[in-house]
Protein backbone atom coordinates (compact mmCIF):
# COMPACT_ATOMS: atom_id res chain seq x y z
CA MET A 1 -16.29 -15.06 18.30
CA ASP A 2 -16.44 -11.81 20.79
CA ALA A 3 -13.06 -13.00 22.18
CA ILE A 4 -11.39 -12.73 18.74
CA LYS A 5 -12.84 -9.21 18.00
CA ASN A 6 -12.21 -7.65 21.17
CA PHE A 7 -8.22 -9.24 20.32
CA ILE A 8 -8.18 -7.56 17.09
CA ASN A 9 -10.17 -4.06 18.55
CA VAL A 10 -7.12 -3.79 21.12
CA ILE A 11 -4.19 -4.42 18.63
CA SER A 12 -5.81 -2.08 15.55
CA ALA A 13 -5.73 0.81 18.19
CA PRO A 14 -3.40 3.11 16.50
CA GLN A 15 -1.11 3.74 19.17
CA ILE A 16 -0.42 -0.64 19.12
CA SER A 17 -0.85 -1.17 15.28
CA PHE A 18 1.07 2.01 14.12
CA THR A 19 4.43 0.60 16.98
CA VAL A 20 4.09 -2.34 15.90
CA LEU A 21 4.15 -1.66 12.28
CA ILE A 22 7.41 0.16 12.61
CA VAL A 23 9.19 -2.21 15.03
CA SER A 24 8.34 -4.41 13.12
CA PHE A 25 9.15 -2.84 8.99
CA PHE A 26 12.67 -3.14 9.13
CA PHE A 27 13.10 -6.76 9.59
CA ILE A 28 10.28 -7.30 6.43
CA PHE A 29 11.74 -4.93 4.64
CA PRO A 30 16.09 -4.75 5.68
CA PRO A 31 18.30 -1.71 4.61
CA THR A 32 21.28 -3.89 6.34
CA GLU A 33 22.77 -6.94 5.77
CA ARG A 34 22.33 -7.67 9.53
CA LEU A 35 18.89 -7.35 9.44
CA GLY A 36 18.88 -9.12 5.88
CA GLN A 37 20.19 -12.21 7.66
CA ILE A 38 16.96 -11.85 10.68
CA ASN A 39 15.08 -11.36 7.71
CA ARG A 40 15.84 -15.12 6.22
CA ARG A 41 16.14 -16.54 9.47
CA LEU A 42 12.39 -15.48 9.80
CA GLY A 43 11.58 -17.20 7.12
CA ILE A 44 10.30 -13.77 4.90
CA PRO A 45 11.79 -14.02 1.65
CA LYS A 46 9.20 -17.24 1.19
CA LEU A 47 6.09 -14.32 1.52
CA TRP A 48 7.40 -13.48 -2.10
CA THR A 49 7.31 -16.79 -3.32
CA ASN A 50 4.15 -18.01 -5.26
CA LYS A 51 3.48 -20.09 -2.50
CA GLY A 52 3.83 -17.04 0.09
CA GLY A 53 1.62 -14.87 -2.12
CA ILE A 54 -1.64 -17.63 -2.25
CA VAL A 55 -1.15 -17.81 1.76
CA LEU A 56 -0.78 -13.71 2.40
CA LEU A 57 -3.99 -13.85 -0.42
CA ILE A 58 -6.00 -16.22 1.92
CA VAL A 59 -5.47 -14.59 5.13
CA PHE A 60 -6.11 -10.89 3.55
CA LEU A 61 -9.24 -12.42 2.69
CA VAL A 62 -10.34 -14.69 5.79
CA PHE A 63 -9.83 -11.61 7.75
CA PHE A 64 -11.66 -9.46 5.02
CA ILE A 65 -14.76 -12.01 4.80
CA PHE A 66 -14.71 -12.76 9.03
CA GLY A 67 -14.78 -8.84 9.55
CA LEU A 68 -17.95 -8.83 7.16
CA THR A 69 -19.44 -10.69 9.69
CA ASP A 70 -19.73 -7.47 12.06
CA GLU A 71 -22.43 -5.21 11.07
CA ASN A 72 -20.51 -1.78 12.08
CA PHE A 73 -17.23 -3.35 9.82
CA ARG A 74 -19.96 -4.13 7.21
CA LEU A 75 -21.31 -0.78 7.14
CA ILE A 76 -17.79 1.06 6.72
CA VAL A 77 -15.92 -1.04 4.17
CA LEU A 78 -18.90 -1.63 2.01
CA LYS A 79 -19.93 2.48 2.17
CA ALA A 80 -19.58 3.30 -1.73
CA ASP A 81 -16.86 6.38 -0.92
CA ASN A 82 -14.83 3.38 0.85
CA VAL A 83 -14.53 0.75 -1.46
CA PRO A 84 -11.89 2.36 -3.87
CA ILE A 85 -9.65 2.24 -0.19
CA VAL A 86 -10.24 -1.66 0.04
CA ALA A 87 -10.02 -2.16 -3.20
CA LEU A 88 -6.29 0.10 -3.38
CA LEU A 89 -5.32 -2.31 -0.19
CA PHE A 90 -5.56 -5.62 -2.21
CA LEU A 91 -4.19 -3.84 -5.15
CA VAL A 92 -1.31 -2.97 -2.74
CA LEU A 93 -0.85 -6.58 -2.03
CA PHE A 94 -0.74 -7.99 -4.97
CA PHE A 95 1.75 -5.63 -6.71
CA LEU A 96 3.59 -5.64 -3.65
CA TRP A 97 4.32 -9.00 -3.98
CA LEU A 98 4.32 -9.08 -7.88
CA ALA A 99 7.42 -6.27 -7.56
CA LEU A 100 9.12 -8.15 -4.50
CA SER A 101 8.79 -11.99 -6.29
CA GLN A 102 10.43 -10.84 -9.49
CA ALA A 103 12.89 -9.25 -7.44
CA TYR A 104 13.74 -11.57 -4.78
CA ALA A 105 14.03 -14.11 -7.88
CA ASN A 106 16.42 -11.70 -9.98
CA ASP A 107 18.59 -12.37 -7.14
CA ALA A 108 19.23 -15.76 -6.97
CA ARG A 109 19.77 -15.69 -10.68
CA MET A 110 22.46 -12.80 -10.48
CA ALA A 111 23.89 -14.98 -7.01
CA GLU A 112 24.18 -17.68 -9.45
CA GLY A 113 26.13 -15.82 -12.41
CA LYS A 114 22.91 -15.55 -14.44
CA PRO A 115 21.82 -12.13 -15.91
CA PRO A 116 18.47 -10.74 -14.60
CA ALA A 117 15.27 -12.22 -16.18
CA GLU A 118 14.79 -8.60 -18.11
CA ALA A 119 17.80 -9.27 -19.62
CA GLU A 120 16.47 -12.22 -21.41
CA ASP A 121 12.94 -10.51 -22.19
CA ALA A 122 14.76 -7.80 -23.95
CA ARG A 123 15.85 -10.05 -26.57
CA GLU A 124 12.18 -9.81 -27.34
CA LYS A 125 10.85 -7.59 -30.08
CA ILE A 126 7.09 -6.86 -30.34
CA LEU A 127 5.71 -4.18 -32.80
CA VAL A 128 3.91 -0.99 -31.86
CA TRP A 129 1.03 -2.00 -34.46
CA PRO A 130 -0.97 -4.18 -34.20
CA ASP A 131 0.51 -5.83 -30.55
CA LEU A 132 0.96 -2.45 -28.35
CA VAL A 133 -2.17 -0.29 -29.55
CA TYR A 134 -4.44 -3.55 -29.69
CA ILE A 135 -3.49 -4.23 -26.03
CA GLU A 136 -4.17 -0.24 -25.02
CA LEU A 137 -7.01 -0.46 -27.04
CA MET A 138 -8.28 -3.60 -24.94
CA ALA A 139 -7.20 -2.03 -21.60
CA ILE A 140 -9.35 1.29 -22.32
CA VAL A 141 -12.28 -0.80 -23.13
CA ALA A 142 -12.22 -2.80 -20.02
CA VAL A 143 -11.66 -0.58 -17.84
CA LEU A 144 -14.11 1.88 -19.03
CA ALA A 145 -16.69 -0.84 -18.73
CA LEU A 146 -15.21 -1.56 -15.17
CA LEU A 147 -16.26 2.11 -14.20
CA LEU A 148 -19.65 2.21 -16.07
CA VAL A 149 -20.39 -0.75 -14.08
CA TRP A 150 -19.13 1.05 -11.20
CA ALA A 151 -21.20 4.09 -11.49
CA MET A 152 -24.44 2.59 -11.92
CA ILE A 153 -23.82 -0.48 -8.81
CA LEU A 154 -22.17 2.11 -6.06
CA PRO A 155 -23.80 5.16 -6.77
CA ALA A 156 -21.42 8.03 -4.99
CA PRO A 157 -23.46 11.33 -5.56
CA LEU A 158 -22.18 14.25 -4.53
CA GLU A 159 -23.66 15.43 -1.13
CA GLU A 160 -25.39 19.41 -0.62
CA ALA A 161 -23.02 22.31 -1.14
CA ALA A 162 -21.10 23.23 1.94
CA ASN A 163 -22.83 24.93 4.68
CA PRO A 164 -20.63 27.14 6.00
CA THR A 165 -22.24 27.45 9.65
CA VAL A 166 -22.09 23.29 9.73
CA SER A 167 -19.27 21.02 10.20
CA PRO A 168 -19.75 17.39 9.52
CA ASN A 169 -18.67 15.10 12.61
CA PRO A 170 -15.92 13.61 11.69
CA SER A 171 -14.83 16.20 9.33
CA LYS A 172 -12.45 14.27 7.16
CA ALA A 173 -10.30 14.87 4.65
CA PRO A 174 -10.13 13.36 1.03
CA TRP A 175 -8.67 9.98 1.16
CA TYR A 176 -5.68 10.80 -0.51
CA PHE A 177 -4.96 13.75 2.67
CA LEU A 178 -6.14 11.12 5.15
CA GLY A 179 -2.70 10.33 5.72
CA LEU A 180 -1.52 13.62 6.76
CA GLN A 181 -5.40 14.73 8.46
CA GLU A 182 -4.66 10.96 10.44
CA MET A 183 -0.82 12.44 11.78
CA LEU A 184 -1.90 15.16 13.49
CA VAL A 185 -2.79 12.33 16.02
CA TYR A 186 0.83 11.76 16.32
CA TYR A 187 2.70 14.48 16.32
CA ASP A 188 2.28 18.38 16.63
CA PRO A 189 0.11 20.29 14.27
CA TRP A 190 3.06 22.11 13.16
CA ILE A 191 4.99 18.80 12.58
CA ALA A 192 2.31 16.93 10.88
CA GLY A 193 0.69 19.61 8.90
CA VAL A 194 4.11 21.61 7.66
CA LEU A 195 7.01 20.01 8.08
CA PHE A 196 6.50 16.42 6.78
CA PRO A 197 4.74 18.08 3.28
CA THR A 198 7.49 20.55 2.89
CA LEU A 199 10.37 17.59 3.78
CA ILE A 200 7.82 15.21 1.54
CA LEU A 201 8.07 17.88 -1.39
CA LEU A 202 11.47 18.14 -1.23
CA GLY A 203 11.94 15.22 -0.95
CA PHE A 204 10.66 13.81 -3.99
CA MET A 205 12.70 16.75 -5.71
CA ALA A 206 16.29 15.81 -4.63
CA ILE A 207 15.83 11.91 -5.67
CA PRO A 208 17.43 12.58 -8.69
CA PHE A 209 20.07 13.85 -7.26
CA LEU A 210 20.72 11.67 -3.95
CA ASP A 211 20.03 8.21 -6.07
CA ASN A 212 22.38 7.95 -8.92
CA ASN A 213 22.96 4.03 -8.44
CA PRO A 214 23.00 2.68 -12.09
CA LYS A 215 22.54 -1.30 -10.20
CA GLY A 216 18.56 -1.59 -10.44
CA SER A 217 18.15 -0.01 -13.29
CA GLY A 218 15.90 -1.89 -16.01
CA TYR A 219 15.19 -4.78 -13.90
CA TYR A 220 13.98 -5.83 -10.36
CA THR A 221 16.24 -6.01 -7.37
CA PHE A 222 16.41 -5.78 -4.09
CA ALA A 223 19.39 -7.22 -2.98
CA GLN A 224 21.43 -4.17 -4.62
CA ARG A 225 19.12 -1.15 -3.79
CA ARG A 226 17.71 -2.23 -0.34
CA VAL A 227 18.41 1.30 1.43
CA ALA A 228 16.48 2.81 -1.63
CA ILE A 229 13.53 0.55 -1.73
CA SER A 230 13.09 0.44 2.47
CA ILE A 231 13.30 3.73 2.92
CA PHE A 232 10.38 4.53 0.00
CA MET A 233 8.38 1.60 1.34
CA PHE A 234 8.32 2.91 4.43
CA PHE A 235 7.23 5.84 3.82
CA TRP A 236 4.68 4.68 1.13
CA LEU A 237 3.34 1.53 3.51
CA VAL A 238 3.37 3.41 6.83
CA TYR A 239 3.39 7.30 6.41
CA TRP A 240 0.61 6.98 3.55
CA ILE A 241 -1.37 3.75 3.12
CA PHE A 242 -1.36 2.67 6.92
CA LEU A 243 -2.45 6.02 7.69
CA ILE A 244 -5.19 6.32 4.90
CA SER A 245 -6.52 2.98 5.82
CA VAL A 246 -6.40 4.43 9.66
CA GLY A 247 -8.51 7.55 8.69
CA THR A 248 -11.04 6.02 6.45
CA PHE A 249 -12.05 3.10 8.54
CA LEU A 250 -11.26 3.51 12.34
CA ARG A 251 -11.51 7.25 12.92
CA GLY A 252 -15.50 8.44 13.55
CA PRO A 253 -17.11 11.34 15.49
CA ASN A 254 -15.01 13.74 17.35
CA TRP A 255 -12.13 11.68 15.54
CA ASN A 256 -12.07 9.07 18.25
CA PHE A 257 -10.97 5.34 17.46
CA PHE A 258 -13.57 2.87 16.46
């Protein structure tokens, strides 16, 4: 058991995990046909099938449950402020699998000369009332109930007023800025704090002008939009979700690695 924990501690060190993630990323989300051939040879598309989704979920759950046997891990992930980040990881995994499973299914259909599944769904019409409005009302009630129960079970009250003479250690940014704070470990402060945020904002504004490819509009596909999807996934998963997770769960006093 200790050997497994020590191995996990070694490979989860940011220097190793960040490097491995970058190297392996484009084999999982191949932007070119050459990398796509390697992707298929490794059997990675099987992850986006129903059986692959079940395997991914089981592996994720087993890893999470095993981690709960460690007292330090349990204290970190069950902290009221960190529970939403844990939920974020599960939701990212689920919706990533859901989107790519539909994309690969459509790619297989179009390779056979069939239209994407969304083309058949478009023929089915529903009424705004009562169908759509009723579903939205039920969703509002369900989310409100979830938030109320969440607030009662996991209280996360505001802390005392900020004291300019005392800084907490570690002093962490809000979770949605933790990725930028974590970048300070890897890059020069000017690059992580000024250049990257500026490029991100300008990149978002430029997307409608740079990406005018009509393919993939209104239906899921990976083969027809592999470059755009790979670039987006790289910045979203590697430079956002991964860095937020590291900053939330693996950084302690003096921003040292746990």
